[in-house]
N, C-alpha and C. Protein backbone atom coordinates (compact mmCIF):
# COMPACT_ATOMS: atom_id res chain seq x y z
N MET A 1 23.63 -55.91 41.50
CA MET A 1 25.22 -56.21 41.68
C MET A 1 25.91 -55.78 40.61
N LEU A 2 26.92 -56.03 40.65
CA LEU A 2 27.62 -55.10 39.71
C LEU A 2 28.61 -56.52 38.57
N GLU A 3 27.77 -56.09 37.59
CA GLU A 3 28.73 -56.90 36.31
C GLU A 3 29.54 -56.64 35.70
N PRO A 4 30.17 -57.54 34.86
CA PRO A 4 31.17 -57.19 34.22
C PRO A 4 30.91 -56.52 32.59
N ARG A 5 31.03 -55.41 32.68
CA ARG A 5 30.91 -54.88 30.84
C ARG A 5 32.18 -54.32 30.16
N SER A 6 31.94 -54.11 29.49
CA SER A 6 32.71 -53.25 28.04
C SER A 6 33.27 -52.26 28.60
N GLN A 7 33.82 -51.93 29.59
CA GLN A 7 34.63 -50.98 30.43
C GLN A 7 35.32 -50.63 31.17
N PRO A 8 35.85 -49.51 31.40
CA PRO A 8 37.06 -50.28 32.74
C PRO A 8 36.30 -50.21 34.53
N VAL A 9 36.68 -50.86 35.23
CA VAL A 9 36.62 -50.75 36.56
C VAL A 9 36.34 -49.77 37.05
N SER A 10 36.87 -48.80 36.67
CA SER A 10 36.41 -47.11 37.16
C SER A 10 34.93 -46.74 36.57
N GLY A 11 34.78 -46.78 35.37
CA GLY A 11 33.97 -46.86 35.34
C GLY A 11 32.31 -47.32 35.61
N MET A 12 32.56 -48.54 35.99
CA MET A 12 31.75 -49.34 36.22
C MET A 12 31.54 -49.02 37.64
N LEU A 13 32.26 -48.24 38.17
CA LEU A 13 31.83 -47.62 40.05
C LEU A 13 31.21 -46.78 39.85
N GLN A 14 31.23 -45.93 38.78
CA GLN A 14 30.99 -44.75 38.66
C GLN A 14 29.50 -44.65 38.00
N GLN A 15 29.43 -45.79 37.02
CA GLN A 15 27.72 -46.15 36.89
C GLN A 15 27.02 -46.29 37.65
N ALA A 16 27.35 -47.55 38.69
CA ALA A 16 26.81 -48.09 39.61
C ALA A 16 25.96 -47.01 40.60
N GLY A 17 27.10 -46.13 41.29
CA GLY A 17 26.84 -44.93 42.41
C GLY A 17 26.12 -44.02 41.87
N ALA A 18 25.80 -44.18 40.35
CA ALA A 18 25.60 -42.58 39.46
C ALA A 18 24.55 -42.11 40.03
N PRO A 19 23.64 -42.26 41.60
CA PRO A 19 22.46 -41.56 41.70
C PRO A 19 23.71 -40.04 42.96
N ALA A 20 24.73 -41.26 43.06
CA ALA A 20 25.01 -39.87 44.63
C ALA A 20 26.01 -39.55 43.23
N TRP A 21 26.74 -40.05 42.45
CA TRP A 21 27.66 -38.62 41.99
C TRP A 21 26.85 -37.79 41.14
N ALA A 22 25.82 -37.85 40.57
CA ALA A 22 24.93 -36.95 40.12
C ALA A 22 24.76 -35.97 41.43
N LYS A 23 24.60 -36.07 42.77
CA LYS A 23 24.64 -35.11 43.47
C LYS A 23 25.49 -34.28 43.80
N ALA A 24 26.77 -35.43 43.56
CA ALA A 24 28.08 -34.77 44.24
C ALA A 24 28.25 -33.87 42.65
N THR A 25 28.33 -33.97 41.78
CA THR A 25 28.50 -33.08 40.42
C THR A 25 27.54 -32.48 40.38
N GLY A 26 26.62 -32.56 40.87
CA GLY A 26 25.33 -30.73 40.38
C GLY A 26 24.77 -30.78 41.12
N HIS A 27 25.43 -30.80 42.36
CA HIS A 27 25.22 -29.82 44.12
C HIS A 27 24.96 -28.78 43.61
N PRO A 28 23.69 -27.79 44.37
CA PRO A 28 23.21 -26.57 44.16
C PRO A 28 24.43 -25.73 44.61
N MET A 29 25.60 -26.19 45.05
CA MET A 29 26.70 -25.10 45.85
C MET A 29 27.53 -24.99 44.47
N VAL A 30 27.74 -26.41 43.86
CA VAL A 30 28.56 -26.55 42.40
C VAL A 30 28.15 -25.31 41.40
N GLN A 31 26.79 -25.37 41.44
CA GLN A 31 25.90 -24.73 40.74
C GLN A 31 26.29 -23.62 40.46
N ALA A 32 25.97 -22.28 41.99
CA ALA A 32 26.24 -21.49 42.18
C ALA A 32 27.94 -20.92 42.50
N ILE A 33 28.72 -21.58 41.97
CA ILE A 33 30.40 -21.14 42.03
C ILE A 33 30.27 -21.52 39.97
N ALA A 34 29.71 -21.95 39.63
CA ALA A 34 29.13 -22.25 38.03
C ALA A 34 29.16 -20.63 37.59
N ASP A 35 27.86 -20.25 38.31
CA ASP A 35 27.23 -19.39 37.66
C ASP A 35 27.71 -18.11 38.29
N GLY A 36 28.85 -17.86 39.94
CA GLY A 36 28.99 -17.02 40.19
C GLY A 36 28.48 -16.30 41.58
N SER A 37 27.14 -17.11 41.38
CA SER A 37 25.93 -16.07 42.26
C SER A 37 26.50 -16.66 43.37
N LEU A 38 27.58 -17.56 43.77
CA LEU A 38 27.81 -18.06 45.65
C LEU A 38 28.29 -16.80 46.06
N PRO A 39 27.74 -16.53 47.36
CA PRO A 39 28.78 -16.06 48.40
C PRO A 39 29.32 -15.88 48.66
N HIS A 40 30.54 -15.17 48.89
CA HIS A 40 32.23 -15.46 49.37
C HIS A 40 32.26 -16.00 50.56
N GLU A 41 31.64 -15.47 51.48
CA GLU A 41 31.18 -15.93 52.85
C GLU A 41 30.87 -17.32 53.10
N THR A 42 30.21 -17.96 51.92
CA THR A 42 29.98 -19.66 51.95
C THR A 42 31.07 -19.79 51.01
N PHE A 43 32.24 -19.39 50.57
CA PHE A 43 32.82 -20.16 49.74
C PHE A 43 34.05 -19.98 50.73
N ARG A 44 34.05 -18.92 51.43
CA ARG A 44 35.32 -19.00 52.62
C ARG A 44 35.22 -20.11 53.35
N ARG A 45 33.72 -20.38 53.85
CA ARG A 45 33.57 -21.75 54.95
C ARG A 45 33.98 -23.10 54.32
N TYR A 46 33.66 -23.36 53.14
CA TYR A 46 34.18 -24.39 52.25
C TYR A 46 35.14 -24.35 52.39
N PHE A 47 36.42 -23.34 52.46
CA PHE A 47 38.25 -23.57 52.62
C PHE A 47 38.59 -23.10 53.96
N GLU A 48 38.27 -23.44 54.56
CA GLU A 48 38.25 -23.07 56.26
C GLU A 48 38.18 -24.35 56.25
N GLN A 49 37.28 -25.72 56.06
CA GLN A 49 37.01 -27.30 56.17
C GLN A 49 38.00 -27.97 54.95
N ASN A 50 38.55 -27.55 53.71
CA ASN A 50 39.01 -28.19 52.82
C ASN A 50 40.73 -27.80 52.93
N VAL A 51 40.60 -27.26 53.38
CA VAL A 51 42.53 -26.49 53.37
C VAL A 51 42.57 -27.94 55.14
N LEU A 52 41.99 -28.08 55.74
CA LEU A 52 42.36 -29.17 57.13
C LEU A 52 42.58 -30.69 56.30
N TYR A 53 40.34 -30.71 55.58
CA TYR A 53 40.45 -32.29 54.68
C TYR A 53 41.81 -32.34 53.99
N LEU A 54 42.16 -31.57 53.30
CA LEU A 54 43.29 -31.84 52.15
C LEU A 54 44.34 -32.71 52.73
N GLN A 55 45.03 -31.78 53.66
CA GLN A 55 46.00 -32.87 54.51
C GLN A 55 45.82 -34.22 55.28
N ASP A 56 44.41 -34.47 55.42
CA ASP A 56 44.28 -35.79 55.81
C ASP A 56 44.32 -36.58 54.48
N TYR A 57 43.81 -36.04 53.05
CA TYR A 57 43.62 -36.93 51.90
C TYR A 57 44.89 -37.46 51.31
N ALA A 58 45.77 -36.44 51.80
CA ALA A 58 47.42 -36.23 51.20
C ALA A 58 47.87 -37.50 52.07
N ARG A 59 47.61 -37.40 53.45
CA ARG A 59 48.02 -38.56 53.81
C ARG A 59 47.60 -40.28 53.76
N ALA A 60 46.26 -39.76 53.50
CA ALA A 60 45.89 -41.01 52.73
C ALA A 60 46.33 -41.82 51.72
N ILE A 61 46.61 -40.70 50.80
CA ILE A 61 47.16 -41.31 49.06
C ILE A 61 48.81 -41.62 50.00
N ALA A 62 49.58 -41.25 50.76
CA ALA A 62 50.68 -41.09 50.80
C ALA A 62 50.85 -42.93 51.49
N LEU A 63 49.79 -43.15 52.47
CA LEU A 63 49.07 -44.21 52.72
C LEU A 63 49.60 -45.85 51.47
N ILE A 64 48.53 -45.19 50.52
CA ILE A 64 48.01 -46.19 49.40
C ILE A 64 49.58 -46.19 48.62
N ALA A 65 50.02 -44.78 48.01
CA ALA A 65 51.36 -44.95 47.72
C ALA A 65 52.75 -45.73 48.05
N SER A 66 52.37 -46.01 49.73
CA SER A 66 53.43 -46.77 50.64
C SER A 66 53.18 -48.53 50.45
N LYS A 67 51.92 -48.65 49.38
CA LYS A 67 51.71 -50.43 49.37
C LYS A 67 51.93 -50.30 47.51
N ALA A 68 52.57 -49.47 46.72
CA ALA A 68 52.45 -49.60 45.26
C ALA A 68 52.65 -50.65 45.30
N PRO A 69 52.29 -51.52 44.05
CA PRO A 69 52.81 -52.76 43.76
C PRO A 69 54.19 -52.67 42.71
N ASP A 70 54.17 -51.28 41.93
CA ASP A 70 55.24 -51.53 41.09
C ASP A 70 55.86 -50.20 40.52
N ARG A 71 57.01 -49.95 39.87
CA ARG A 71 57.38 -48.38 39.57
C ARG A 71 56.04 -47.29 39.16
N GLU A 72 55.69 -48.47 37.96
CA GLU A 72 54.55 -47.41 36.90
C GLU A 72 53.42 -46.77 38.87
N ALA A 73 53.19 -47.67 39.07
CA ALA A 73 52.35 -47.73 40.41
C ALA A 73 52.11 -46.65 41.25
N LEU A 74 53.93 -47.01 41.80
CA LEU A 74 54.51 -45.55 42.64
C LEU A 74 54.72 -44.19 42.03
N THR A 75 54.93 -43.87 40.86
CA THR A 75 55.23 -42.71 39.66
C THR A 75 53.41 -42.65 39.82
N THR A 76 52.75 -42.64 39.45
CA THR A 76 51.18 -42.60 39.19
C THR A 76 50.76 -41.84 40.59
N LEU A 77 50.74 -41.97 41.76
CA LEU A 77 50.40 -41.98 42.95
C LEU A 77 51.56 -41.01 44.03
N SER A 78 52.53 -40.76 43.13
CA SER A 78 53.32 -39.79 43.69
C SER A 78 52.72 -38.51 43.11
N GLN A 79 53.11 -38.63 41.77
CA GLN A 79 52.49 -37.47 40.94
C GLN A 79 50.82 -37.25 41.86
N PHE A 80 50.15 -37.92 41.70
CA PHE A 80 48.86 -37.57 42.63
C PHE A 80 48.91 -37.01 44.36
N LEU A 81 49.96 -37.60 44.95
CA LEU A 81 50.40 -36.67 46.07
C LEU A 81 51.26 -35.42 46.14
N GLY A 82 51.89 -35.02 44.96
CA GLY A 82 52.09 -34.13 44.65
C GLY A 82 51.40 -32.92 43.73
N GLN A 83 50.47 -33.18 43.28
CA GLN A 83 49.53 -32.50 43.15
C GLN A 83 48.52 -31.86 44.45
N ILE A 84 48.78 -32.66 45.24
CA ILE A 84 47.79 -32.26 46.50
C ILE A 84 48.83 -31.13 47.25
N VAL A 85 49.65 -31.82 47.32
CA VAL A 85 50.59 -30.71 48.61
C VAL A 85 51.56 -29.93 47.97
N GLU A 86 51.90 -30.16 46.66
CA GLU A 86 52.36 -28.74 46.02
C GLU A 86 51.33 -27.76 45.49
N HIS A 87 50.12 -27.81 44.86
CA HIS A 87 49.41 -27.12 44.33
C HIS A 87 48.07 -27.28 44.91
N GLU A 88 47.49 -28.34 45.32
CA GLU A 88 46.10 -27.59 45.93
C GLU A 88 46.32 -27.29 47.44
N ILE A 89 47.25 -27.67 48.03
CA ILE A 89 47.26 -27.31 49.68
C ILE A 89 47.59 -25.20 49.24
N PRO A 90 48.46 -25.58 48.59
CA PRO A 90 48.72 -23.97 48.75
C PRO A 90 47.80 -23.04 48.12
N ALA A 91 47.31 -23.70 47.21
CA ALA A 91 46.33 -22.70 46.68
C ALA A 91 45.20 -22.68 47.84
N ASN A 92 44.62 -23.92 48.38
CA ASN A 92 43.50 -23.37 48.88
C ASN A 92 43.83 -21.98 50.41
N PHE A 93 45.01 -22.26 50.37
CA PHE A 93 45.52 -21.53 51.60
C PHE A 93 45.24 -20.05 50.81
N SER A 94 46.05 -19.66 49.91
CA SER A 94 45.68 -18.15 49.25
C SER A 94 43.93 -18.50 48.87
N PHE A 95 43.05 -18.95 48.17
CA PHE A 95 41.84 -19.37 48.19
C PHE A 95 41.00 -18.57 49.26
N LEU A 96 41.55 -18.76 50.99
CA LEU A 96 41.26 -18.49 51.76
C LEU A 96 41.67 -17.18 52.21
N GLU A 97 42.71 -16.75 52.34
CA GLU A 97 42.72 -15.77 52.42
C GLU A 97 42.26 -14.32 51.18
N ARG A 98 42.53 -14.88 50.10
CA ARG A 98 41.28 -14.22 49.19
C ARG A 98 40.49 -13.43 49.14
N LEU A 99 39.53 -14.51 50.16
CA LEU A 99 38.70 -14.48 50.57
C LEU A 99 38.16 -13.58 52.62
N GLY A 100 39.40 -13.22 52.72
CA GLY A 100 39.49 -12.49 53.91
C GLY A 100 39.56 -13.37 55.25
N GLY A 101 39.82 -14.80 55.03
CA GLY A 101 39.94 -15.66 55.67
C GLY A 101 41.45 -15.86 56.77
N ASP A 102 41.95 -16.15 57.56
CA ASP A 102 42.74 -16.51 58.18
C ASP A 102 43.31 -18.07 58.53
N PRO A 103 44.73 -17.92 57.70
CA PRO A 103 44.76 -19.71 57.70
C PRO A 103 45.32 -19.78 59.03
N ALA A 104 46.17 -18.87 59.88
CA ALA A 104 46.65 -19.07 61.11
C ALA A 104 45.48 -19.40 62.52
N ALA A 105 44.55 -18.96 61.69
CA ALA A 105 43.30 -19.20 62.88
C ALA A 105 42.60 -20.61 63.33
N LEU A 106 43.14 -21.46 61.39
CA LEU A 106 42.78 -22.60 61.72
C LEU A 106 43.67 -23.59 63.09
N GLY A 107 42.64 -24.51 63.20
CA GLY A 107 42.78 -25.72 63.88
C GLY A 107 43.40 -27.26 63.25
N GLY A 108 43.20 -28.08 64.05
CA GLY A 108 43.91 -29.12 63.44
C GLY A 108 42.65 -30.34 63.25
N ALA A 109 42.48 -31.10 63.78
CA ALA A 109 41.63 -32.27 62.84
C ALA A 109 40.47 -31.52 63.93
N ALA A 110 40.44 -31.82 65.50
CA ALA A 110 39.31 -31.39 66.09
C ALA A 110 39.02 -29.81 65.16
N SER A 111 39.41 -29.13 64.54
CA SER A 111 38.58 -28.10 64.03
C SER A 111 37.64 -28.76 62.88
N LEU A 112 37.86 -30.00 62.40
CA LEU A 112 37.03 -30.35 61.53
C LEU A 112 35.50 -30.28 61.65
N ASN A 113 34.47 -30.00 60.53
CA ASN A 113 32.77 -30.65 60.69
C ASN A 113 33.14 -31.92 61.06
N PRO A 114 31.70 -31.75 61.48
CA PRO A 114 31.25 -33.65 62.10
C PRO A 114 31.11 -34.35 60.57
N ALA A 115 30.84 -33.92 59.75
CA ALA A 115 30.43 -34.36 58.04
C ALA A 115 32.33 -34.60 57.35
N ALA A 116 32.89 -33.73 57.64
CA ALA A 116 34.71 -33.66 57.15
C ALA A 116 35.35 -34.48 57.82
N TYR A 117 35.57 -34.45 59.37
CA TYR A 117 36.02 -35.22 59.67
C TYR A 117 35.46 -36.83 60.03
N ALA A 118 34.50 -37.21 59.33
CA ALA A 118 34.05 -38.47 59.21
C ALA A 118 34.16 -39.44 57.89
N TYR A 119 34.57 -38.03 57.20
CA TYR A 119 34.79 -38.45 55.34
C TYR A 119 36.41 -38.14 55.53
N THR A 120 37.00 -37.48 56.52
CA THR A 120 38.84 -38.46 56.16
C THR A 120 38.87 -39.28 57.31
N ARG A 121 38.28 -39.56 58.44
CA ARG A 121 38.81 -40.99 58.95
C ARG A 121 38.17 -42.12 57.65
N HIS A 122 36.99 -42.09 57.52
CA HIS A 122 37.02 -42.99 56.02
C HIS A 122 38.46 -43.27 55.25
N LEU A 123 38.15 -42.63 54.56
CA LEU A 123 39.75 -42.06 53.55
C LEU A 123 41.19 -42.80 54.41
N LEU A 124 41.23 -42.54 55.85
CA LEU A 124 42.61 -43.10 56.49
C LEU A 124 42.34 -44.16 56.75
N ALA A 125 41.14 -44.79 56.98
CA ALA A 125 40.60 -45.84 57.52
C ALA A 125 41.10 -47.37 56.25
N VAL A 126 40.20 -46.44 55.61
CA VAL A 126 40.57 -47.33 54.03
C VAL A 126 41.72 -47.25 53.63
N SER A 127 42.84 -46.75 53.85
CA SER A 127 43.42 -46.01 52.98
C SER A 127 44.87 -47.02 53.95
N ALA A 128 44.76 -47.24 55.16
CA ALA A 128 45.63 -47.67 55.83
C ALA A 128 45.37 -49.50 55.98
N GLN A 129 44.54 -49.39 56.32
CA GLN A 129 43.84 -51.08 56.05
C GLN A 129 43.86 -51.67 55.29
N GLY A 130 43.31 -51.18 53.60
CA GLY A 130 43.07 -51.70 52.58
C GLY A 130 44.59 -51.71 51.92
N ASP A 131 44.15 -52.21 50.30
CA ASP A 131 45.32 -52.53 49.41
C ASP A 131 45.48 -50.87 48.32
N VAL A 132 45.93 -51.65 47.48
CA VAL A 132 45.80 -49.97 46.27
C VAL A 132 44.45 -49.43 46.02
N ALA A 133 43.94 -50.57 45.14
CA ALA A 133 42.82 -50.31 44.83
C ALA A 133 41.63 -49.98 45.75
N GLU A 134 41.39 -50.71 46.69
CA GLU A 134 40.72 -49.86 47.73
C GLU A 134 40.91 -48.85 48.23
N GLY A 135 42.14 -48.55 48.85
CA GLY A 135 42.49 -47.17 48.80
C GLY A 135 42.51 -46.29 47.55
N LEU A 136 42.55 -46.40 45.74
CA LEU A 136 42.33 -45.60 44.68
C LEU A 136 40.65 -45.71 45.28
N ALA A 137 39.71 -46.72 45.54
CA ALA A 137 38.28 -46.04 45.50
C ALA A 137 38.03 -45.20 45.85
N ALA A 138 38.57 -45.39 47.59
CA ALA A 138 38.64 -44.64 48.61
C ALA A 138 38.35 -42.74 47.94
N VAL A 139 39.77 -42.34 47.43
CA VAL A 139 40.31 -41.10 46.97
C VAL A 139 39.92 -40.55 45.44
N LEU A 140 39.73 -41.75 44.95
CA LEU A 140 38.88 -41.17 43.33
C LEU A 140 38.01 -40.52 43.40
N PRO A 141 36.71 -40.44 44.58
CA PRO A 141 35.50 -39.58 43.70
C PRO A 141 35.75 -38.22 43.95
N CYS A 142 36.67 -37.79 45.02
CA CYS A 142 36.94 -36.55 45.22
C CYS A 142 37.96 -35.34 43.97
N GLN A 143 38.81 -36.63 43.70
CA GLN A 143 39.67 -35.85 42.59
C GLN A 143 38.60 -35.98 41.34
N TRP A 144 38.19 -37.62 41.14
CA TRP A 144 37.28 -37.33 39.91
C TRP A 144 36.66 -36.36 39.70
N SER A 145 35.91 -36.02 40.60
CA SER A 145 34.75 -35.48 40.78
C SER A 145 35.28 -34.03 40.33
N TYR A 146 35.90 -33.17 40.66
CA TYR A 146 35.94 -31.97 40.87
C TYR A 146 36.53 -32.01 39.33
N GLY A 147 37.49 -32.70 38.67
CA GLY A 147 37.50 -32.77 37.62
C GLY A 147 36.35 -32.50 36.40
N GLU A 148 35.42 -34.00 36.58
CA GLU A 148 34.07 -33.81 36.23
C GLU A 148 33.00 -32.25 36.12
N ILE A 149 33.22 -31.57 37.15
CA ILE A 149 32.57 -30.65 37.63
C ILE A 149 33.27 -29.30 36.70
N ALA A 150 34.86 -29.49 36.82
CA ALA A 150 35.34 -27.76 36.29
C ALA A 150 35.44 -27.89 34.97
N ARG A 151 35.67 -28.96 33.99
CA ARG A 151 36.15 -28.93 32.85
C ARG A 151 34.95 -28.40 31.95
N PRO A 152 33.31 -28.67 31.98
CA PRO A 152 33.03 -27.84 31.29
C PRO A 152 32.58 -26.43 31.33
N LEU A 153 32.65 -26.35 32.58
CA LEU A 153 32.84 -25.06 33.10
C LEU A 153 33.81 -23.75 32.29
N MET A 154 35.12 -24.63 32.08
CA MET A 154 36.03 -24.05 31.03
C MET A 154 35.79 -23.08 30.33
N VAL A 155 34.58 -23.65 29.62
CA VAL A 155 34.53 -22.93 28.18
C VAL A 155 33.67 -21.64 28.33
N ALA A 156 33.21 -21.62 29.36
CA ALA A 156 32.20 -20.17 29.86
C ALA A 156 32.65 -19.61 31.63
N ALA A 157 33.65 -19.45 31.78
CA ALA A 157 33.54 -19.35 33.18
C ALA A 157 33.28 -18.20 34.12
N PRO A 158 32.91 -18.00 35.21
CA PRO A 158 32.23 -16.84 35.84
C PRO A 158 32.67 -15.69 35.71
N SER A 159 32.55 -14.31 35.58
CA SER A 159 33.61 -13.29 35.94
C SER A 159 34.34 -13.07 37.07
N ASP A 160 33.48 -14.20 38.53
CA ASP A 160 34.10 -13.17 39.69
C ASP A 160 35.67 -14.15 39.30
N PRO A 161 36.95 -13.52 39.51
CA PRO A 161 38.02 -14.32 39.16
C PRO A 161 38.55 -14.84 40.47
N ILE A 162 37.78 -15.27 41.55
CA ILE A 162 38.00 -16.19 42.81
C ILE A 162 37.15 -17.55 42.19
N TYR A 163 36.34 -17.14 41.50
CA TYR A 163 35.41 -18.58 40.85
C TYR A 163 35.87 -19.33 39.59
N ALA A 164 36.64 -18.28 39.18
CA ALA A 164 37.30 -18.84 37.42
C ALA A 164 38.58 -19.02 37.70
N ASP A 165 39.02 -18.79 38.75
CA ASP A 165 40.28 -19.58 39.05
C ASP A 165 40.45 -20.95 39.48
N TRP A 166 39.01 -21.04 40.62
CA TRP A 166 38.94 -22.64 41.25
C TRP A 166 38.27 -23.04 39.94
N ILE A 167 38.36 -23.11 39.04
CA ILE A 167 37.51 -23.85 37.90
C ILE A 167 38.80 -23.76 37.07
N ARG A 168 39.90 -23.56 36.95
CA ARG A 168 40.53 -23.24 36.05
C ARG A 168 41.43 -24.20 36.86
N MET A 169 41.61 -24.50 37.73
CA MET A 169 42.42 -25.27 38.77
C MET A 169 42.26 -26.54 38.53
N PHE A 170 40.82 -26.94 38.02
CA PHE A 170 40.76 -28.63 38.10
C PHE A 170 39.95 -29.20 36.36
N GLY A 171 39.73 -27.85 35.45
CA GLY A 171 39.29 -28.20 34.49
C GLY A 171 40.82 -28.17 33.55
N ASN A 172 41.56 -27.61 34.16
CA ASN A 172 42.86 -27.98 32.72
C ASN A 172 43.20 -29.20 32.05
N ASP A 173 43.84 -29.19 31.42
CA ASP A 173 44.12 -30.69 30.53
C ASP A 173 45.24 -31.26 31.76
N GLU A 174 46.21 -30.44 32.17
CA GLU A 174 46.65 -31.58 33.07
C GLU A 174 46.52 -32.52 34.13
N TYR A 175 45.27 -31.41 35.04
CA TYR A 175 44.72 -32.27 35.99
C TYR A 175 44.25 -33.00 35.32
N GLY A 176 43.58 -32.86 33.99
CA GLY A 176 42.43 -34.03 33.26
C GLY A 176 43.10 -35.06 33.37
N ALA A 177 44.39 -35.59 32.89
CA ALA A 177 45.85 -36.31 32.39
C ALA A 177 45.61 -36.77 33.70
N LEU A 178 46.10 -36.02 34.57
CA LEU A 178 46.49 -37.44 36.05
C LEU A 178 44.98 -37.50 36.66
N VAL A 179 43.97 -37.67 35.73
CA VAL A 179 42.49 -38.46 36.37
C VAL A 179 43.25 -39.62 35.50
N ASP A 180 43.09 -39.14 34.78
CA ASP A 180 43.35 -40.39 33.81
C ASP A 180 44.00 -41.15 34.13
N GLN A 181 45.10 -41.11 34.56
CA GLN A 181 46.43 -41.65 35.51
C GLN A 181 45.68 -42.64 36.37
N THR A 182 45.11 -42.10 37.62
CA THR A 182 45.07 -42.54 38.56
C THR A 182 43.47 -43.63 38.09
N THR A 183 42.93 -43.37 37.28
CA THR A 183 41.82 -44.02 37.14
C THR A 183 41.89 -45.69 36.63
N ALA A 184 43.21 -45.22 35.42
CA ALA A 184 44.16 -46.33 34.41
C ALA A 184 44.62 -47.21 35.97
N LEU A 185 44.76 -46.63 36.98
CA LEU A 185 45.63 -47.49 37.91
C LEU A 185 44.47 -48.37 38.35
N LEU A 186 43.52 -47.89 39.06
CA LEU A 186 42.52 -48.77 39.53
C LEU A 186 42.03 -49.62 38.77
N ASP A 187 41.92 -49.72 37.50
CA ASP A 187 41.56 -49.99 36.46
C ASP A 187 42.84 -50.98 36.61
N ARG A 188 43.25 -51.04 36.46
CA ARG A 188 44.77 -52.15 36.30
C ARG A 188 44.95 -53.18 37.62
N LEU A 189 44.39 -52.79 38.83
CA LEU A 189 44.25 -53.44 39.27
C LEU A 189 43.39 -54.30 40.21
N ALA A 190 42.61 -54.16 39.63
CA ALA A 190 40.87 -54.56 40.05
C ALA A 190 40.28 -55.42 38.91
N ASP A 191 39.63 -56.78 39.68
CA ASP A 191 39.80 -57.55 38.35
C ASP A 191 38.10 -57.36 38.84
N PRO A 192 37.65 -57.19 37.42
CA PRO A 192 36.40 -57.08 36.85
C PRO A 192 35.38 -57.80 37.13
N VAL A 193 35.55 -59.32 37.07
CA VAL A 193 34.76 -60.52 36.74
C VAL A 193 34.83 -60.93 38.36
N ASN A 194 35.69 -60.35 39.58
CA ASN A 194 35.58 -61.09 40.85
C ASN A 194 34.27 -60.09 41.66
N GLU A 195 33.23 -60.89 41.77
CA GLU A 195 32.12 -60.05 41.68
C GLU A 195 32.30 -59.65 43.53
N ALA A 196 33.19 -60.13 44.32
CA ALA A 196 32.88 -60.09 45.73
C ALA A 196 33.87 -58.82 45.72
N ARG A 197 35.27 -58.59 44.93
CA ARG A 197 36.03 -57.80 44.93
C ARG A 197 35.64 -56.29 43.76
N MET A 198 34.49 -56.43 43.43
CA MET A 198 34.20 -55.42 42.72
C MET A 198 32.66 -54.75 43.72
N ALA A 199 31.92 -55.71 44.83
CA ALA A 199 31.43 -55.79 45.70
C ALA A 199 32.17 -54.53 46.74
N SER A 200 32.79 -54.69 47.14
CA SER A 200 33.49 -54.44 47.99
C SER A 200 34.07 -52.65 47.40
N LEU A 201 34.65 -52.75 47.03
CA LEU A 201 35.19 -51.30 45.86
C LEU A 201 34.27 -50.68 45.75
N PHE A 202 33.19 -51.41 45.20
CA PHE A 202 31.64 -50.41 45.45
C PHE A 202 31.27 -49.59 46.25
N ARG A 203 30.97 -50.41 47.46
CA ARG A 203 31.06 -49.68 49.03
C ARG A 203 31.85 -49.11 48.81
N ILE A 204 33.29 -48.54 48.47
CA ILE A 204 33.88 -48.09 49.29
C ILE A 204 33.83 -46.36 48.37
N PHE A 205 33.73 -47.11 47.39
CA PHE A 205 33.69 -45.68 45.83
C PHE A 205 32.26 -44.92 46.59
N ASP A 206 31.38 -45.60 46.34
CA ASP A 206 30.29 -44.92 46.80
C ASP A 206 30.16 -44.33 48.23
N ARG A 207 30.44 -45.08 49.14
CA ARG A 207 30.35 -44.11 50.35
C ARG A 207 31.09 -42.93 50.38
N SER A 208 32.26 -43.22 49.37
CA SER A 208 33.30 -41.53 49.01
C SER A 208 32.89 -40.32 48.50
N THR A 209 31.93 -41.21 47.73
CA THR A 209 30.78 -39.98 46.74
C THR A 209 29.80 -40.05 47.84
N GLN A 210 29.25 -40.48 49.07
CA GLN A 210 28.03 -40.09 49.57
C GLN A 210 29.07 -38.51 50.87
N TYR A 211 29.83 -39.01 50.64
CA TYR A 211 30.94 -38.18 51.71
C TYR A 211 30.81 -36.59 50.52
N GLU A 212 31.17 -36.89 49.49
CA GLU A 212 31.66 -36.03 48.94
C GLU A 212 29.93 -34.78 48.76
N VAL A 213 28.80 -35.51 48.68
CA VAL A 213 27.38 -35.00 48.67
C VAL A 213 27.56 -33.90 49.96
N ALA A 214 28.04 -34.87 51.35
CA ALA A 214 27.58 -34.22 52.49
C ALA A 214 28.94 -32.90 53.19
N PHE A 215 29.42 -33.08 52.21
CA PHE A 215 31.13 -32.18 52.14
C PHE A 215 30.35 -30.74 51.70
N TRP A 216 29.88 -30.86 49.96
CA TRP A 216 28.82 -30.05 49.88
C TRP A 216 27.73 -28.85 50.85
N ASP A 217 27.43 -30.41 51.31
CA ASP A 217 25.96 -30.03 51.75
C ASP A 217 26.39 -28.87 53.02
N MET A 218 27.81 -29.10 53.57
CA MET A 218 27.55 -29.39 54.98
C MET A 218 28.56 -27.28 54.84
N ALA A 219 29.07 -27.39 53.54
CA ALA A 219 29.71 -25.74 52.97
C ALA A 219 28.41 -25.01 52.99
N TYR A 220 27.54 -25.53 52.07
CA TYR A 220 26.50 -25.02 51.58
C TYR A 220 25.23 -24.40 52.50
N GLY A 221 25.35 -25.47 53.15
CA GLY A 221 24.15 -24.91 54.92
C GLY A 221 24.77 -23.92 55.41
N GLY A 222 25.79 -24.26 56.09
CA GLY A 222 26.55 -23.60 56.94
C GLY A 222 26.58 -24.50 58.64
N PRO A 223 26.63 -24.03 59.37
CA PRO A 223 27.53 -24.89 60.95
C PRO A 223 26.40 -26.11 61.03
N ASP A 224 25.41 -26.31 60.93
CA ASP A 224 25.16 -27.86 60.93
C ASP A 224 25.76 -29.04 59.78
N PRO A 225 26.01 -30.15 60.44
CA PRO A 225 26.76 -31.06 59.81
C PRO A 225 25.48 -31.77 59.36
N ALA A 226 26.59 -32.19 57.80
CA ALA A 226 25.51 -33.15 56.93
C ALA A 226 25.84 -34.55 56.98
N HIS A 227 25.32 -35.65 57.04
CA HIS A 227 26.04 -37.21 57.35
C HIS A 227 25.55 -38.12 55.99
N PRO A 228 26.25 -38.51 55.10
CA PRO A 228 25.80 -39.15 54.04
C PRO A 228 24.94 -40.54 54.63
């Protein structure tokens, strides 16, 4: 059971889900990106799925933003959505092309690997049916874990320019500031002493984190789907 601690709600959720979080941020594919040893073919397979995933990820954030309780929340969620639509989706298409992929050959949701499809349906369902705090608990593991992965790698990025550019996209100060804003919004909207509420948020947060692991497994291991 989650118990109130002298830390924010987001930290409580991350700590309670530490096993899945460690698998997501320390995945073998992440380690191979870090040292530049990942085959380009594997990274291309990741982007072929991620460009489709991000479109539904953006839709989930838009659903959450539509329920923003105040202007501050709306501003934060709009900036979050802008990061995905204006920066990450175009960057992912660019990475795909640099790796020899063809964005025009990608299909829609039917082209998602089962693990990626399950992850996006989870995000969309929670964001559509839940409130802002529940939606944030669903989408934050993706945004937050990428920052945590990339930040320490900025010190000694791999020589391969594709991997170095990918790390810089998530390890910079602007990205870190946005993560701080979105986690702070969850902290403001969730009551850490409400045990039932916290248990519900943890289930959502941990499921998303497990899907993060499954997504890495899918991209790293090939066409066979991995389920959380």
